[in-house]
Protein backbone atom coordinates (compact mmCIF):
# COMPACT_ATOMS: atom_id res chain seq x y z
CA MET A 1 -15.53 6.20 -13.63
CA VAL A 2 -16.80 8.07 -10.68
CA ASP A 3 -17.91 11.91 -11.33
CA ASN A 4 -19.78 11.97 -8.08
CA VAL A 5 -16.29 11.21 -6.41
CA ASN A 6 -14.13 14.12 -5.22
CA LYS A 7 -11.13 13.78 -7.13
CA THR A 8 -8.72 14.95 -4.26
CA MET A 9 -9.02 13.81 -0.69
CA GLU A 10 -8.69 16.05 1.96
CA SER A 11 -5.28 16.11 3.59
CA GLY A 12 -3.88 16.46 6.84
CA VAL A 13 -2.21 14.30 9.92
CA SER A 14 -3.68 12.55 12.65
CA SER A 15 -4.39 14.38 15.78
CA GLY A 16 -3.49 12.05 18.29
CA THR A 17 0.05 11.30 20.04
CA SER A 18 1.37 8.41 21.77
CA THR A 19 4.96 7.46 23.24
CA ALA A 20 7.19 5.22 21.67
CA GLY A 21 7.33 1.70 22.98
CA THR A 22 8.30 -1.97 22.56
CA VAL A 23 5.74 -4.74 22.10
CA GLN A 24 6.65 -8.42 21.62
CA GLY A 25 10.27 -7.29 21.16
CA VAL A 26 9.75 -4.97 18.56
CA SER A 27 9.60 -1.24 18.34
CA VAL A 28 6.81 0.68 17.61
CA ARG A 29 7.15 4.11 16.25
CA PRO A 30 6.33 6.88 18.21
CA ASP A 31 4.21 8.75 15.58
CA ASN A 32 1.75 5.32 14.96
CA VAL A 33 -1.50 7.07 16.12
CA SER A 34 -4.39 5.10 17.49
CA SER A 35 -7.50 6.21 15.82
CA GLY A 36 -10.79 6.41 16.89
CA VAL A 37 -10.03 5.76 20.69
CA HIS A 38 -9.20 7.40 23.70
CA GLY A 39 -10.76 10.76 22.55
CA VAL A 40 -9.34 10.60 19.29
CA PRO A 41 -11.84 10.72 16.45
CA ALA A 42 -11.93 7.93 13.90
CA LEU A 43 -10.61 8.61 10.54
CA GLU A 44 -12.46 8.97 7.10
CA MET A 45 -13.03 5.48 5.33
CA ILE A 46 -11.63 5.47 1.98
CA MET A 47 -11.47 2.16 0.99
CA GLU A 48 -13.34 -1.32 2.12
CA SER A 49 -13.41 -4.87 1.21
CA ARG A 50 -16.36 -7.14 2.02
CA ASP A 51 -16.14 -10.89 2.07
CA LEU A 52 -13.47 -10.55 -0.75
CA GLN A 53 -12.40 -13.84 -1.96
CA VAL A 54 -10.06 -14.65 -5.05
CA HIS A 55 -10.11 -17.79 -7.19
CA TYR A 56 -7.35 -18.75 -9.62
CA GLY A 57 -8.98 -21.12 -11.81
CA ASP A 58 -10.52 -23.88 -9.29
CA PHE A 59 -7.74 -22.84 -6.68
CA LEU A 60 -9.46 -20.84 -3.59
CA ALA A 61 -6.57 -18.39 -2.85
CA VAL A 62 -7.95 -16.33 -0.30
CA ARG A 63 -11.53 -15.85 1.29
CA ASP A 64 -13.72 -13.96 3.41
CA VAL A 65 -11.37 -10.47 3.52
CA ASN A 66 -13.17 -7.62 5.38
CA LEU A 67 -10.94 -4.74 5.57
CA LYS A 68 -11.16 -0.92 6.01
CA ILE A 69 -8.64 1.32 4.81
CA HIS A 70 -8.46 4.89 6.42
CA ARG A 71 -7.51 8.47 5.59
CA ASN A 72 -4.00 9.80 6.73
CA GLU A 73 -3.04 6.04 7.78
CA ILE A 74 -0.57 3.34 6.79
CA THR A 75 -2.12 -0.28 6.82
CA ALA A 76 0.23 -3.33 6.85
CA LEU A 77 -0.80 -6.80 5.66
CA ILE A 78 1.45 -9.54 7.28
CA GLY A 79 1.49 -12.95 7.20
CA PRO A 80 3.69 -16.16 6.16
CA SER A 81 4.09 -16.91 2.16
CA GLY A 82 1.35 -17.77 0.57
CA CYS A 83 -1.59 -16.56 2.47
CA GLY A 84 -2.61 -14.03 -0.11
CA LYS A 85 -1.48 -10.60 0.81
CA SER A 86 0.00 -9.83 -2.61
CA THR A 87 -3.43 -11.20 -3.96
CA ILE A 88 -5.32 -8.99 -1.76
CA ILE A 89 -3.52 -5.63 -2.25
CA ARG A 90 -4.05 -6.64 -6.12
CA CYS A 91 -7.49 -6.65 -5.61
CA PHE A 92 -7.53 -3.00 -4.50
CA ASN A 93 -6.50 -1.47 -7.95
CA ARG A 94 -7.72 -4.43 -10.15
CA MET A 95 -4.24 -5.59 -10.95
CA ASN A 96 -5.72 -9.18 -10.62
CA ASP A 97 -7.98 -8.44 -14.12
CA LEU A 98 -4.55 -8.87 -15.64
CA ILE A 99 -4.50 -12.59 -14.80
CA PRO A 100 -6.51 -14.75 -16.81
CA THR A 101 -7.69 -17.46 -14.40
CA ALA A 102 -8.24 -14.85 -11.69
CA LYS A 103 -11.77 -14.28 -10.40
CA VAL A 104 -12.62 -11.88 -7.71
CA GLY A 105 -15.74 -12.23 -5.55
CA GLY A 106 -17.25 -10.24 -2.74
CA SER A 107 -16.62 -6.49 -3.37
CA VAL A 108 -13.98 -3.81 -2.90
CA LEU A 109 -15.19 -0.11 -2.27
CA TYR A 110 -13.86 2.76 -2.83
CA ARG A 111 -15.29 5.81 -1.35
CA GLY A 112 -18.79 3.94 -1.38
CA ILE A 113 -18.40 2.73 -5.14
CA ASP A 114 -17.85 -0.93 -6.47
CA LEU A 115 -14.39 -1.11 -7.95
CA TYR A 116 -15.92 -4.26 -9.77
CA GLY A 117 -19.10 -2.92 -10.39
CA PRO A 118 -20.41 -1.77 -14.13
CA GLU A 119 -19.57 1.85 -13.33
CA ALA A 120 -15.95 1.33 -12.54
CA ASN A 121 -13.49 1.72 -15.26
CA ALA A 122 -10.34 -0.39 -14.65
CA GLY A 123 -7.81 2.33 -16.04
CA GLU A 124 -9.44 4.90 -13.90
CA VAL A 125 -9.15 2.83 -10.93
CA ARG A 126 -5.37 2.39 -11.31
CA ARG A 127 -4.89 5.92 -11.88
CA ARG A 128 -6.80 7.21 -8.49
CA ILE A 129 -4.84 3.85 -6.50
CA GLY A 130 -1.38 3.71 -7.64
CA MET A 131 0.74 0.81 -6.89
CA VAL A 132 4.52 0.40 -6.28
CA PHE A 133 5.98 -3.14 -6.67
CA GLN A 134 8.22 -5.38 -4.77
CA LYS A 135 11.60 -4.67 -7.38
CA PRO A 136 12.16 -1.43 -8.53
CA ASN A 137 10.93 -1.41 -12.38
CA PRO A 138 11.62 1.81 -13.70
CA PHE A 139 10.92 2.30 -17.64
CA PRO A 140 14.18 2.60 -20.05
CA LYS A 141 13.60 6.29 -20.29
CA SER A 142 15.20 9.20 -18.38
CA ILE A 143 14.53 10.19 -14.87
CA TYR A 144 12.40 12.79 -16.17
CA ASP A 145 10.50 11.04 -18.65
CA ASN A 146 9.66 8.26 -15.92
CA VAL A 147 8.10 10.74 -13.93
CA ALA A 148 6.23 12.44 -16.89
CA PHE A 149 5.20 9.24 -18.22
CA GLY A 150 1.62 9.05 -16.47
CA PRO A 151 0.43 12.77 -16.86
CA ARG A 152 1.53 12.63 -20.60
CA VAL A 153 -0.59 9.38 -21.25
CA ASN A 154 -3.60 10.88 -18.89
CA GLY A 155 -3.53 14.41 -20.80
CA LYS A 156 -1.11 16.92 -22.80
CA PRO A 157 0.38 19.08 -20.12
CA SER A 158 2.52 22.02 -21.43
CA LYS A 159 6.48 21.71 -20.96
CA ALA A 160 6.16 24.14 -18.22
CA GLU A 161 3.22 22.10 -16.26
CA THR A 162 5.46 18.94 -16.80
CA ASP A 163 8.43 20.73 -15.55
CA GLU A 164 6.90 21.73 -12.60
CA LEU A 165 4.96 18.31 -11.88
CA VAL A 166 7.88 16.54 -12.37
CA GLU A 167 10.15 18.44 -9.89
CA ARG A 168 6.96 18.17 -7.36
CA SER A 169 6.40 14.52 -7.52
CA LEU A 170 10.41 13.99 -7.18
CA LYS A 171 10.07 16.29 -4.03
CA ARG A 172 7.29 14.11 -2.60
CA ALA A 173 9.65 11.05 -2.81
CA ALA A 174 12.38 12.72 -1.51
CA LEU A 175 14.66 12.59 -4.64
CA TRP A 176 14.80 15.60 -6.00
CA GLU A 177 17.99 17.19 -4.20
CA GLU A 178 19.70 13.65 -5.55
CA VAL A 179 18.66 14.01 -9.31
CA LYS A 180 17.73 17.56 -10.09
CA ASP A 181 21.16 17.99 -12.00
CA ARG A 182 21.02 14.73 -14.21
CA LEU A 183 17.02 14.67 -15.18
CA LYS A 184 17.96 13.60 -18.51
CA GLN A 185 19.99 10.50 -17.73
CA SER A 186 18.77 7.27 -17.83
CA ALA A 187 16.81 5.97 -14.75
CA PHE A 188 19.06 2.92 -14.77
CA SER A 189 22.13 4.87 -13.82
CA LEU A 190 20.26 5.32 -10.05
CA SER A 191 20.97 2.97 -7.15
CA GLY A 192 18.61 0.54 -6.43
CA GLY A 193 16.71 2.68 -3.57
CA GLN A 194 16.88 5.43 -5.93
CA GLN A 195 15.02 3.74 -8.30
CA GLN A 196 12.18 2.67 -5.85
CA ARG A 197 11.74 6.47 -4.77
CA LEU A 198 11.80 7.02 -8.34
CA CYS A 199 8.89 4.72 -8.75
CA ILE A 200 6.97 6.25 -5.96
CA ALA A 201 7.56 9.61 -7.88
CA ARG A 202 5.94 8.30 -10.98
CA ALA A 203 3.15 6.97 -8.94
CA LEU A 204 2.39 10.08 -7.25
CA ALA A 205 2.83 12.02 -10.51
CA VAL A 206 -0.68 11.18 -11.62
CA ASP A 207 -2.16 12.44 -8.09
CA PRO A 208 -3.44 9.06 -6.86
CA ASP A 209 -6.08 8.89 -4.06
CA VAL A 210 -4.01 5.67 -2.42
CA LEU A 211 -1.10 4.36 -2.99
CA LEU A 212 -0.26 0.37 -2.67
CA MET A 213 3.19 -0.92 -1.79
CA ASP A 214 3.65 -4.78 -2.40
CA GLU A 215 6.86 -5.45 -0.39
CA PRO A 216 8.55 -2.06 -1.57
CA CYS A 217 11.92 -2.63 0.57
CA SER A 218 12.29 -6.32 0.21
CA ALA A 219 15.11 -5.95 -2.31
CA LEU A 220 16.99 -2.89 -0.73
CA ASP A 221 19.60 -2.20 1.94
CA PRO A 222 18.54 -0.95 5.37
CA ILE A 223 19.70 2.59 4.66
CA ALA A 224 17.34 2.77 1.46
CA THR A 225 14.80 1.00 3.53
CA ALA A 226 14.81 3.58 6.29
CA ARG A 227 14.44 6.42 3.90
CA ILE A 228 11.35 4.60 2.21
CA GLU A 229 9.71 4.07 5.75
CA ASP A 230 10.37 7.96 6.40
CA LEU A 231 9.04 8.96 2.94
CA MET A 232 5.72 6.81 3.90
CA HIS A 233 5.31 8.63 6.93
CA GLU A 234 5.81 12.14 5.31
CA ILE A 235 3.56 11.61 2.45
CA LYS A 236 0.72 9.45 4.47
CA GLY A 237 -1.49 12.68 5.37
CA GLN A 238 -1.79 12.97 1.61
CA TYR A 239 -2.16 9.44 0.27
CA PRO A 240 -3.34 6.62 2.49
CA ILE A 241 -1.03 3.71 2.08
CA VAL A 242 -1.33 -0.30 2.07
CA ILE A 243 1.78 -1.89 2.59
CA VAL A 244 2.42 -5.98 2.14
CA THR A 245 5.65 -6.73 4.28
CA HIS A 246 7.26 -9.90 5.40
CA ASN A 247 9.27 -7.80 7.81
CA MET A 248 7.15 -7.50 11.11
CA GLN A 249 9.63 -4.97 12.50
CA GLN A 250 8.57 -2.73 9.39
CA ALA A 251 5.05 -3.16 9.99
CA ALA A 252 5.30 -2.13 13.52
CA ARG A 253 7.51 0.75 12.71
CA VAL A 254 5.27 2.37 9.90
CA SER A 255 2.07 1.09 10.19
CA ASP A 256 -1.07 2.57 12.21
CA ARG A 257 -3.20 -0.43 11.47
CA THR A 258 -2.01 -4.22 10.66
CA ALA A 259 -3.76 -7.20 9.26
CA PHE A 260 -2.55 -10.62 9.63
CA PHE A 261 -3.09 -13.30 7.41
CA ASN A 262 -2.59 -16.90 7.50
CA THR A 263 -3.77 -20.39 5.64
CA GLU A 264 -6.04 -22.90 6.43
CA VAL A 265 -6.84 -26.46 4.85
CA ASP A 266 -10.40 -27.28 4.42
CA ALA A 267 -11.28 -31.02 4.74
CA ASP A 268 -11.95 -31.24 1.14
CA ALA A 269 -9.27 -29.10 -0.03
CA THR A 270 -5.60 -30.09 -1.09
CA ARG A 271 -4.05 -26.63 -1.08
CA PRO A 272 -4.13 -24.02 1.96
CA THR A 273 -6.34 -20.89 1.41
CA GLY A 274 -5.32 -17.65 2.94
CA VAL A 275 -7.67 -16.36 5.38
CA LEU A 276 -7.44 -12.80 7.49
CA VAL A 277 -6.99 -13.72 11.13
CA GLU A 278 -6.96 -10.55 12.89
CA TYR A 279 -7.03 -6.84 11.86
CA ASP A 280 -6.65 -3.87 14.45
CA GLU A 281 -4.52 -0.90 15.49
CA THR A 282 -0.73 -2.31 15.19
CA ARG A 283 0.09 -1.35 18.82
CA LYS A 284 -2.65 -3.61 19.62
CA ILE A 285 -1.60 -6.56 17.14
CA PHE A 286 1.84 -6.28 18.21
CA SER A 287 1.05 -6.11 22.05
CA THR A 288 -2.37 -7.91 23.16
CA PRO A 289 -3.70 -9.54 19.84
CA SER A 290 -7.07 -11.21 20.21
CA ASP A 291 -6.28 -14.46 18.26
CA PRO A 292 -3.70 -16.76 19.66
CA ARG A 293 -2.38 -17.39 15.87
CA THR A 294 -1.37 -13.71 15.73
CA GLU A 295 0.27 -13.85 18.63
CA GLN A 296 2.30 -17.10 17.75
CA TYR A 297 3.33 -15.71 14.42
CA ILE A 298 4.45 -12.44 15.89
CA THR A 299 6.47 -14.24 18.71
CA GLY A 300 8.02 -16.50 15.93
CA ARG A 301 6.43 -19.60 17.12
CA MET A 302 4.71 -20.08 13.59
CA GLY A 303 5.25 -19.25 10.01
């Protein structure tokens, strides 16, 4: 797909620091670092959408979305139901290709290459840009075979290489210590939170460049949610993360940047269309948003 794109991205962590605080009644995690301001250098841009819009048949689901995804950052997409958050995140790895009526306009650039251009292969796009879905969806296989599935499809690693890869991926997903003695057991024997971390390990096993998460904690209890959130902070130095969430507290806790989506109804339309209202550093979105619609949503007066 993209021979001129380096297969592995530079790793590291944000160099700035900030103090813990509460904005709009929501606690903001202290390591959510602002980038490109106050002397902190701006981070490398990995992905960008330009005037992105999606139709389902004749229905315009979301329009005019311009976003930039940066290295070493977590970007949260928030907004009411039906505003296009999940539609947009599925554009980032061409999952909307699987919906016959979907038509994507505008462009999505990955390291400067248009993912919808003629040089892009959808399968390779999805390998480089992994995805974790709303509900845990392990395969009806063993824990080991779930993690090994992607590498085996993409090549034929030896047994020793596969063993090492499975262990490394499970450790990255903070699951190894819990399952190392039962790797041959069914993935369905795990709890819901463990299954979701297994799905994260499965996504990391193919060494993606970016990780997308579509409401990964919506079906989990608070303890499992906290483990996923901690995991996100541990791995964001290796994998930029884009997360869709309905939980504003979660967005404030985990993300570096936040995009707020809402819906609008044009005079000649019968159904609302999703629009990107505001995109900025998370601390600013939750403390001094630029658009009054963002403040209304954050404070619970809308949505």
